[in-house]
PDB file of N, CA and C in Angstrom:
ATOM      1  N   MET A   1     139.343  55.145  58.715  1.00  0.00           N
ATOM      2  CA  MET A   1     138.450  54.723  59.778  1.00  0.00           C
ATOM      3  C   MET A   1     137.063  54.463  59.194  1.00  0.00           C
ATOM      4  N   TYR A   2     136.551  53.273  59.448  1.00  0.00           N
ATOM      5  CA  TYR A   2     135.231  52.904  58.959  1.00  0.00           C
ATOM      6  C   TYR A   2     134.196  53.094  60.072  1.00  0.00           C
ATOM      7  N   PRO A   3     132.972  53.499  59.726  1.00  0.00           N
ATOM      8  CA  PRO A   3     131.920  53.540  60.741  1.00  0.00           C
ATOM      9  C   PRO A   3     131.564  52.119  61.170  1.00  0.00           C
ATOM     10  N   VAL A   4     131.203  51.958  62.421  1.00  0.00           N
ATOM     11  CA  VAL A   4     130.873  50.644  62.974  1.00  0.00           C
ATOM     12  C   VAL A   4     129.369  50.566  63.213  1.00  0.00           C
ATOM     13  N   ILE A   5     128.764  49.492  62.724  1.00  0.00           N
ATOM     14  CA  ILE A   5     127.331  49.260  62.888  1.00  0.00           C
ATOM     15  C   ILE A   5     127.150  47.939  63.622  1.00  0.00           C
ATOM     16  N   LEU A   6     126.302  47.925  64.635  1.00  0.00           N
ATOM     17  CA  LEU A   6     125.982  46.703  65.356  1.00  0.00           C
ATOM     18  C   LEU A   6     124.689  46.122  64.805  1.00  0.00           C
ATOM     19  N   THR A   7     124.702  44.819  64.526  1.00  0.00           N
ATOM     20  CA  THR A   7     123.464  44.163  64.109  1.00  0.00           C
ATOM     21  C   THR A   7     122.525  44.116  65.307  1.00  0.00           C
ATOM     22  N   LYS A   8     121.292  43.768  65.056  1.00  0.00           N
ATOM     23  CA  LYS A   8     120.296  43.708  66.128  1.00  0.00           C
ATOM     24  C   LYS A   8     120.735  42.738  67.226  1.00  0.00           C
ATOM     25  N   LYS A   9     121.254  41.600  66.843  1.00  0.00           N
ATOM     26  CA  LYS A   9     121.696  40.591  67.805  1.00  0.00           C
ATOM     27  C   LYS A   9     122.853  41.119  68.661  1.00  0.00           C
ATOM     28  N   ALA A  10     123.834  41.745  68.024  1.00  0.00           N
ATOM     29  CA  ALA A  10     124.975  42.296  68.756  1.00  0.00           C
ATOM     30  C   ALA A  10     124.529  43.440  69.665  1.00  0.00           C
ATOM     31  N   ARG A  11     123.617  44.271  69.187  1.00  0.00           N
ATOM     32  CA  ARG A  11     123.117  45.394  69.982  1.00  0.00           C
ATOM     33  C   ARG A  11     122.377  44.893  71.227  1.00  0.00           C
ATOM     34  N   ASN A  12     121.577  43.835  71.069  1.00  0.00           N
ATOM     35  CA  ASN A  12     120.858  43.264  72.207  1.00  0.00           C
ATOM     36  C   ASN A  12     121.830  42.720  73.255  1.00  0.00           C
ATOM     37  N   THR A  13     122.863  42.038  72.811  1.00  0.00           N
ATOM     38  CA  THR A  13     123.879  41.532  73.734  1.00  0.00           C
ATOM     39  C   THR A  13     124.566  42.686  74.449  1.00  0.00           C
ATOM     40  N   TYR A  14     124.944  43.709  73.692  1.00  0.00           N
ATOM     41  CA  TYR A  14     125.627  44.874  74.260  1.00  0.00           C
ATOM     42  C   TYR A  14     124.766  45.547  75.334  1.00  0.00           C
ATOM     43  N   GLN A  15     123.493  45.686  75.079  1.00  0.00           N
ATOM     44  CA  GLN A  15     122.603  46.375  76.012  1.00  0.00           C
ATOM     45  C   GLN A  15     122.423  45.602  77.319  1.00  0.00           C
ATOM     46  N   ARG A  16     122.628  44.295  77.301  1.00  0.00           N
ATOM     47  CA  ARG A  16     122.484  43.481  78.509  1.00  0.00           C
ATOM     48  C   ARG A  16     123.758  43.443  79.359  1.00  0.00           C
ATOM     49  N   LEU A  17     124.859  43.979  78.852  1.00  0.00           N
ATOM     50  CA  LEU A  17     126.126  43.951  79.585  1.00  0.00           C
ATOM     51  C   LEU A  17     126.114  44.924  80.754  1.00  0.00           C
ATOM     52  N   THR A  18     126.965  44.642  81.737  1.00  0.00           N
ATOM     53  CA  THR A  18     127.135  45.558  82.860  1.00  0.00           C
ATOM     54  C   THR A  18     127.898  46.791  82.379  1.00  0.00           C
ATOM     55  N   PRO A  19     127.790  47.915  83.077  1.00  0.00           N
ATOM     56  CA  PRO A  19     128.531  49.114  82.665  1.00  0.00           C
ATOM     57  C   PRO A  19     130.040  48.885  82.536  1.00  0.00           C
ATOM     58  N   LYS A  20     130.606  48.083  83.409  1.00  0.00           N
ATOM     59  CA  LYS A  20     132.049  47.799  83.344  1.00  0.00           C
ATOM     60  C   LYS A  20     132.399  47.045  82.055  1.00  0.00           C
ATOM     61  N   LEU A  21     131.594  46.041  81.707  1.00  0.00           N
ATOM     62  CA  LEU A  21     131.849  45.288  80.473  1.00  0.00           C
ATOM     63  C   LEU A  21     131.616  46.157  79.240  1.00  0.00           C
ATOM     64  N   LYS A  22     130.586  47.011  79.290  1.00  0.00           N
ATOM     65  CA  LYS A  22     130.333  47.911  78.164  1.00  0.00           C
ATOM     66  C   LYS A  22     131.531  48.804  77.892  1.00  0.00           C
ATOM     67  N   LYS A  23     132.172  49.270  78.952  1.00  0.00           N
ATOM     68  CA  LYS A  23     133.347  50.129  78.793  1.00  0.00           C
ATOM     69  C   LYS A  23     134.464  49.386  78.053  1.00  0.00           C
ATOM     70  N   GLY A  24     134.676  48.131  78.403  1.00  0.00           N
ATOM     71  CA  GLY A  24     135.681  47.321  77.713  1.00  0.00           C
ATOM     72  C   GLY A  24     135.312  47.070  76.260  1.00  0.00           C
ATOM     73  N   ILE A  25     134.058  46.721  76.006  1.00  0.00           N
ATOM     74  CA  ILE A  25     133.601  46.473  74.634  1.00  0.00           C
ATOM     75  C   ILE A  25     133.701  47.752  73.810  1.00  0.00           C
ATOM     76  N   ASP A  26     133.416  48.901  74.424  1.00  0.00           N
ATOM     77  CA  ASP A  26     133.562  50.181  73.720  1.00  0.00           C
ATOM     78  C   ASP A  26     134.999  50.395  73.257  1.00  0.00           C
ATOM     79  N   ARG A  27     135.967  50.010  74.090  1.00  0.00           N
ATOM     80  CA  ARG A  27     137.380  50.114  73.704  1.00  0.00           C
ATOM     81  C   ARG A  27     137.673  49.199  72.517  1.00  0.00           C
ATOM     82  N   TYR A  28     137.124  47.988  72.548  1.00  0.00           N
ATOM     83  CA  TYR A  28     137.335  47.046  71.445  1.00  0.00           C
ATOM     84  C   TYR A  28     136.751  47.601  70.152  1.00  0.00           C
ATOM     85  N   ILE A  29     135.549  48.167  70.238  1.00  0.00           N
ATOM     86  CA  ILE A  29     134.891  48.713  69.052  1.00  0.00           C
ATOM     87  C   ILE A  29     135.690  49.883  68.482  1.00  0.00           C
ATOM     88  N   SER A  30     136.238  50.730  69.345  1.00  0.00           N
ATOM     89  CA  SER A  30     137.073  51.848  68.882  1.00  0.00           C
ATOM     90  C   SER A  30     138.308  51.336  68.160  1.00  0.00           C
ATOM     91  N   TYR A  31     138.922  50.293  68.703  1.00  0.00           N
ATOM     92  CA  TYR A  31     140.105  49.712  68.069  1.00  0.00           C
ATOM     93  C   TYR A  31     139.745  49.130  66.705  1.00  0.00           C
ATOM     94  N   ILE A  32     138.614  48.439  66.640  1.00  0.00           N
ATOM     95  CA  ILE A  32     138.167  47.846  65.377  1.00  0.00           C
ATOM     96  C   ILE A  32     137.914  48.936  64.340  1.00  0.00           C
ATOM     97  N   ALA A  33     137.310  50.043  64.742  1.00  0.00           N
ATOM     98  CA  ALA A  33     137.026  51.142  63.812  1.00  0.00           C
ATOM     99  C   ALA A  33     138.313  51.726  63.248  1.00  0.00           C
ATOM    100  N   GLU A  34     139.353  51.798  64.061  1.00  0.00           N
ATOM    101  CA  GLU A  34     140.639  52.368  63.622  1.00  0.00           C
ATOM    102  C   GLU A  34     141.438  51.389  62.760  1.00  0.00           C
ATOM    103  N   SER A  35     141.439  50.134  63.159  1.00  0.00           N
ATOM    104  CA  SER A  35     142.275  49.141  62.483  1.00  0.00           C
ATOM    105  C   SER A  35     141.484  47.848  62.317  1.00  0.00           C
ATOM    106  N   SER A  36     140.621  47.812  61.333  1.00  0.00           N
ATOM    107  CA  SER A  36     139.699  46.685  61.199  1.00  0.00           C
ATOM    108  C   SER A  36     140.313  45.426  60.591  1.00  0.00           C
ATOM    109  N   HIS A  37     141.440  45.560  59.887  1.00  0.00           N
ATOM    110  CA  HIS A  37     142.022  44.404  59.208  1.00  0.00           C
ATOM    111  C   HIS A  37     143.204  43.771  59.933  1.00  0.00           C
ATOM    112  N   PHE A  38     143.991  44.565  60.641  1.00  0.00           N
ATOM    113  CA  PHE A  38     145.229  44.066  61.213  1.00  0.00           C
ATOM    114  C   PHE A  38     145.373  44.493  62.664  1.00  0.00           C
ATOM    115  N   GLY A  39     145.994  43.649  63.455  1.00  0.00           N
ATOM    116  CA  GLY A  39     146.267  43.962  64.845  1.00  0.00           C
ATOM    117  C   GLY A  39     146.620  42.698  65.604  1.00  0.00           C
ATOM    118  N   ALA A  40     147.220  42.887  66.768  1.00  0.00           N
ATOM    119  CA  ALA A  40     147.646  41.746  67.565  1.00  0.00           C
ATOM    120  C   ALA A  40     146.468  40.898  68.027  1.00  0.00           C
ATOM    121  N   LYS A  41     145.313  41.502  68.230  1.00  0.00           N
ATOM    122  CA  LYS A  41     144.152  40.778  68.741  1.00  0.00           C
ATOM    123  C   LYS A  41     143.098  40.513  67.675  1.00  0.00           C
ATOM    124  N   ILE A  42     143.447  40.765  66.421  1.00  0.00           N
ATOM    125  CA  ILE A  42     142.511  40.569  65.315  1.00  0.00           C
ATOM    126  C   ILE A  42     142.941  39.362  64.498  1.00  0.00           C
ATOM    127  N   LYS A  43     141.978  38.514  64.170  1.00  0.00           N
ATOM    128  CA  LYS A  43     142.264  37.339  63.359  1.00  0.00           C
ATOM    129  C   LYS A  43     141.218  37.230  62.262  1.00  0.00           C
ATOM    130  N   LYS A  44     141.678  36.978  61.039  1.00  0.00           N
ATOM    131  CA  LYS A  44     140.758  36.752  59.912  1.00  0.00           C
ATOM    132  C   LYS A  44     140.177  35.359  60.064  1.00  0.00           C
ATOM    133  N   LEU A  45     138.870  35.242  59.909  1.00  0.00           N
ATOM    134  CA  LEU A  45     138.214  33.947  60.047  1.00  0.00           C
ATOM    135  C   LEU A  45     138.297  33.173  58.738  1.00  0.00           C
ATOM    136  N   GLU A  46     138.733  31.944  58.838  1.00  0.00           N
ATOM    137  CA  GLU A  46     138.866  31.100  57.654  1.00  0.00           C
ATOM    138  C   GLU A  46     137.493  30.683  57.144  1.00  0.00           C
ATOM    139  N   GLY A  47     137.342  30.664  55.842  1.00  0.00           N
ATOM    140  CA  GLY A  47     136.091  30.228  55.232  1.00  0.00           C
ATOM    141  C   GLY A  47     134.991  31.278  55.247  1.00  0.00           C
ATOM    142  N   GLU A  48     135.280  32.433  55.799  1.00  0.00           N
ATOM    143  CA  GLU A  48     134.307  33.529  55.866  1.00  0.00           C
ATOM    144  C   GLU A  48     134.941  34.772  55.261  1.00  0.00           C
ATOM    145  N   PRO A  49     134.746  35.039  53.987  1.00  0.00           N
ATOM    146  CA  PRO A  49     135.395  36.191  53.368  1.00  0.00           C
ATOM    147  C   PRO A  49     134.968  37.508  54.020  1.00  0.00           C
ATOM    148  N   GLY A  50     135.951  38.314  54.363  1.00  0.00           N
ATOM    149  CA  GLY A  50     135.688  39.630  54.944  1.00  0.00           C
ATOM    150  C   GLY A  50     135.348  39.613  56.421  1.00  0.00           C
ATOM    151  N   CYS A  51     135.380  38.434  57.057  1.00  0.00           N
ATOM    152  CA  CYS A  51     135.012  38.329  58.473  1.00  0.00           C
ATOM    153  C   CYS A  51     136.249  38.181  59.356  1.00  0.00           C
ATOM    154  N   TYR A  52     136.190  38.843  60.507  1.00  0.00           N
ATOM    155  CA  TYR A  52     137.291  38.862  61.463  1.00  0.00           C
ATOM    156  C   TYR A  52     136.728  38.695  62.862  1.00  0.00           C
ATOM    157  N   ARG A  53     137.629  38.445  63.816  1.00  0.00           N
ATOM    158  CA  ARG A  53     137.235  38.462  65.212  1.00  0.00           C
ATOM    159  C   ARG A  53     138.284  39.230  65.998  1.00  0.00           C
ATOM    160  N   TYR A  54     137.799  39.938  67.000  1.00  0.00           N
ATOM    161  CA  TYR A  54     138.675  40.648  67.927  1.00  0.00           C
ATOM    162  C   TYR A  54     138.613  39.900  69.242  1.00  0.00           C
ATOM    163  N   GLN A  55     139.780  39.580  69.797  1.00  0.00           N
ATOM    164  CA  GLN A  55     139.865  38.843  71.047  1.00  0.00           C
ATOM    165  C   GLN A  55     140.324  39.802  72.134  1.00  0.00           C
ATOM    166  N   GLY A  56     139.461  40.064  73.096  1.00  0.00           N
ATOM    167  CA  GLY A  56     139.826  40.959  74.181  1.00  0.00           C
ATOM    168  C   GLY A  56     139.362  40.390  75.500  1.00  0.00           C
ATOM    169  N   GLY A  57     140.291  40.204  76.435  1.00  0.00           N
ATOM    170  CA  GLY A  57     139.919  39.632  77.723  1.00  0.00           C
ATOM    171  C   GLY A  57     139.254  38.290  77.508  1.00  0.00           C
ATOM    172  N   GLY A  58     138.125  38.087  78.142  1.00  0.00           N
ATOM    173  CA  GLY A  58     137.384  36.848  77.970  1.00  0.00           C
ATOM    174  C   GLY A  58     136.272  36.980  76.951  1.00  0.00           C
ATOM    175  N   TRP A  59     136.324  38.005  76.113  1.00  0.00           N
ATOM    176  CA  TRP A  59     135.258  38.282  75.158  1.00  0.00           C
ATOM    177  C   TRP A  59     135.748  38.221  73.725  1.00  0.00           C
ATOM    178  N   ARG A  60     134.829  37.906  72.815  1.00  0.00           N
ATOM    179  CA  ARG A  60     135.103  37.886  71.380  1.00  0.00           C
ATOM    180  C   ARG A  60     134.084  38.777  70.682  1.00  0.00           C
ATOM    181  N   VAL A  61     134.571  39.562  69.732  1.00  0.00           N
ATOM    182  CA  VAL A  61     133.709  40.411  68.915  1.00  0.00           C
ATOM    183  C   VAL A  61     133.900  39.954  67.474  1.00  0.00           C
ATOM    184  N   GLY A  62     132.840  39.431  66.869  1.00  0.00           N
ATOM    185  CA  GLY A  62     132.890  38.999  65.477  1.00  0.00           C
ATOM    186  C   GLY A  62     132.351  40.109  64.597  1.00  0.00           C
ATOM    187  N   TYR A  63     133.062  40.375  63.504  1.00  0.00           N
ATOM    188  CA  TYR A  63     132.627  41.460  62.630  1.00  0.00           C
ATOM    189  C   TYR A  63     133.005  41.193  61.190  1.00  0.00           C
ATOM    190  N   GLU A  64     132.321  41.905  60.308  1.00  0.00           N
ATOM    191  CA  GLU A  64     132.537  41.802  58.872  1.00  0.00           C
ATOM    192  C   GLU A  64     132.906  43.175  58.343  1.00  0.00           C
ATOM    193  N   VAL A  65     133.950  43.227  57.527  1.00  0.00           N
ATOM    194  CA  VAL A  65     134.350  44.476  56.883  1.00  0.00           C
ATOM    195  C   VAL A  65     133.730  44.484  55.500  1.00  0.00           C
ATOM    196  N   ILE A  66     132.891  45.472  55.242  1.00  0.00           N
ATOM    197  CA  ILE A  66     132.211  45.580  53.955  1.00  0.00           C
ATOM    198  C   ILE A  66     132.886  46.711  53.189  1.00  0.00           C
ATOM    199  N   GLU A  67     133.784  46.336  52.297  1.00  0.00           N
ATOM    200  CA  GLU A  67     134.600  47.318  51.566  1.00  0.00           C
ATOM    201  C   GLU A  67     133.761  48.204  50.660  1.00  0.00           C
ATOM    202  N   GLY A  68     132.774  47.628  49.988  1.00  0.00           N
ATOM    203  CA  GLY A  68     131.953  48.402  49.059  1.00  0.00           C
ATOM    204  C   GLY A  68     131.208  49.540  49.743  1.00  0.00           C
ATOM    205  N   GLU A  69     130.755  49.294  50.964  1.00  0.00           N
ATOM    206  CA  GLU A  69     130.032  50.312  51.714  1.00  0.00           C
ATOM    207  C   GLU A  69     130.941  51.047  52.696  1.00  0.00           C
ATOM    208  N   ARG A  70     132.189  50.610  52.760  1.00  0.00           N
ATOM    209  CA  ARG A  70     133.185  51.200  53.661  1.00  0.00           C
ATOM    210  C   ARG A  70     132.659  51.279  55.086  1.00  0.00           C
ATOM    211  N   GLU A  71     132.257  50.102  55.611  1.00  0.00           N
ATOM    212  CA  GLU A  71     131.767  50.038  56.982  1.00  0.00           C
ATOM    213  C   GLU A  71     132.139  48.711  57.620  1.00  0.00           C
ATOM    214  N   VAL A  72     132.063  48.688  58.943  1.00  0.00           N
ATOM    215  CA  VAL A  72     132.303  47.477  59.715  1.00  0.00           C
ATOM    216  C   VAL A  72     130.988  47.115  60.394  1.00  0.00           C
ATOM    217  N   ARG A  73     130.560  45.877  60.211  1.00  0.00           N
ATOM    218  CA  ARG A  73     129.300  45.422  60.795  1.00  0.00           C
ATOM    219  C   ARG A  73     129.621  44.361  61.854  1.00  0.00           C
ATOM    220  N   ILE A  74     129.360  44.685  63.117  1.00  0.00           N
ATOM    221  CA  ILE A  74     129.580  43.742  64.218  1.00  0.00           C
ATOM    222  C   ILE A  74     128.346  42.858  64.335  1.00  0.00           C
ATOM    223  N   TYR A  75     128.564  41.549  64.242  1.00  0.00           N
ATOM    224  CA  TYR A  75     127.441  40.618  64.286  1.00  0.00           C
ATOM    225  C   TYR A  75     127.449  39.740  65.529  1.00  0.00           C
ATOM    226  N   MET A  76     128.522  39.804  66.341  1.00  0.00           N
ATOM    227  CA  MET A  76     128.602  38.931  67.505  1.00  0.00           C
ATOM    228  C   MET A  76     129.421  39.577  68.611  1.00  0.00           C
ATOM    229  N   ILE A  77     128.887  39.565  69.825  1.00  0.00           N
ATOM    230  CA  ILE A  77     129.626  39.929  71.032  1.00  0.00           C
ATOM    231  C   ILE A  77     129.314  38.820  72.027  1.00  0.00           C
ATOM    232  N   ARG A  78     130.332  38.018  72.345  1.00  0.00           N
ATOM    233  CA  ARG A  78     130.093  36.855  73.200  1.00  0.00           C
ATOM    234  C   ARG A  78     131.279  36.591  74.122  1.00  0.00           C
ATOM    235  N   PRO A  79     131.010  35.929  75.255  1.00  0.00           N
ATOM    236  CA  PRO A  79     132.131  35.463  76.071  1.00  0.00           C
ATOM    237  C   PRO A  79     132.899  34.399  75.319  1.00  0.00           C
ATOM    238  N   ARG A  80     134.166  34.264  75.634  1.00  0.00           N
ATOM    239  CA  ARG A  80     135.047  33.368  74.896  1.00  0.00           C
ATOM    240  C   ARG A  80     134.482  31.951  74.763  1.00  0.00           C
ATOM    241  N   GLY A  81     133.982  31.390  75.810  1.00  0.00           N
ATOM    242  CA  GLY A  81     133.496  30.011  75.777  1.00  0.00           C
ATOM    243  C   GLY A  81     132.285  29.792  74.899  1.00  0.00           C
ATOM    244  N   GLY A  82     131.470  30.816  74.677  1.00  0.00           N
ATOM    245  CA  GLY A  82     130.255  30.643  73.892  1.00  0.00           C
ATOM    246  C   GLY A  82     130.324  31.271  72.518  1.00  0.00           C
ATOM    247  N   ALA A  83     131.510  31.691  72.099  1.00  0.00           N
ATOM    248  CA  ALA A  83     131.634  32.429  70.849  1.00  0.00           C
ATOM    249  C   ALA A  83     131.548  31.560  69.606  1.00  0.00           C
ATOM    250  N   TYR A  84     131.966  30.304  69.701  1.00  0.00           N
ATOM    251  CA  TYR A  84     132.026  29.510  68.475  1.00  0.00           C
ATOM    252  C   TYR A  84     131.208  28.263  68.590  1.00  0.00           C
TER     253      TYR A  84
END
């Protein structure tokens, strides 16, 4: 299990969410911390080494796995339509 760190941009987005959405995103973050590389809702991003996205409901969580520091850095939390 890797510790999860939110970038400033991701943290700002998270803080603006409703309590109901935060609860869902918290579940996604827990799943990412447990299984950051593989899963039914996890996809490795092409052309971005070490970067993945988690697809949950209508939301996308973009993150980078930093093996050297043994951590996961979340850089994006967005609704599906505005994620890419």
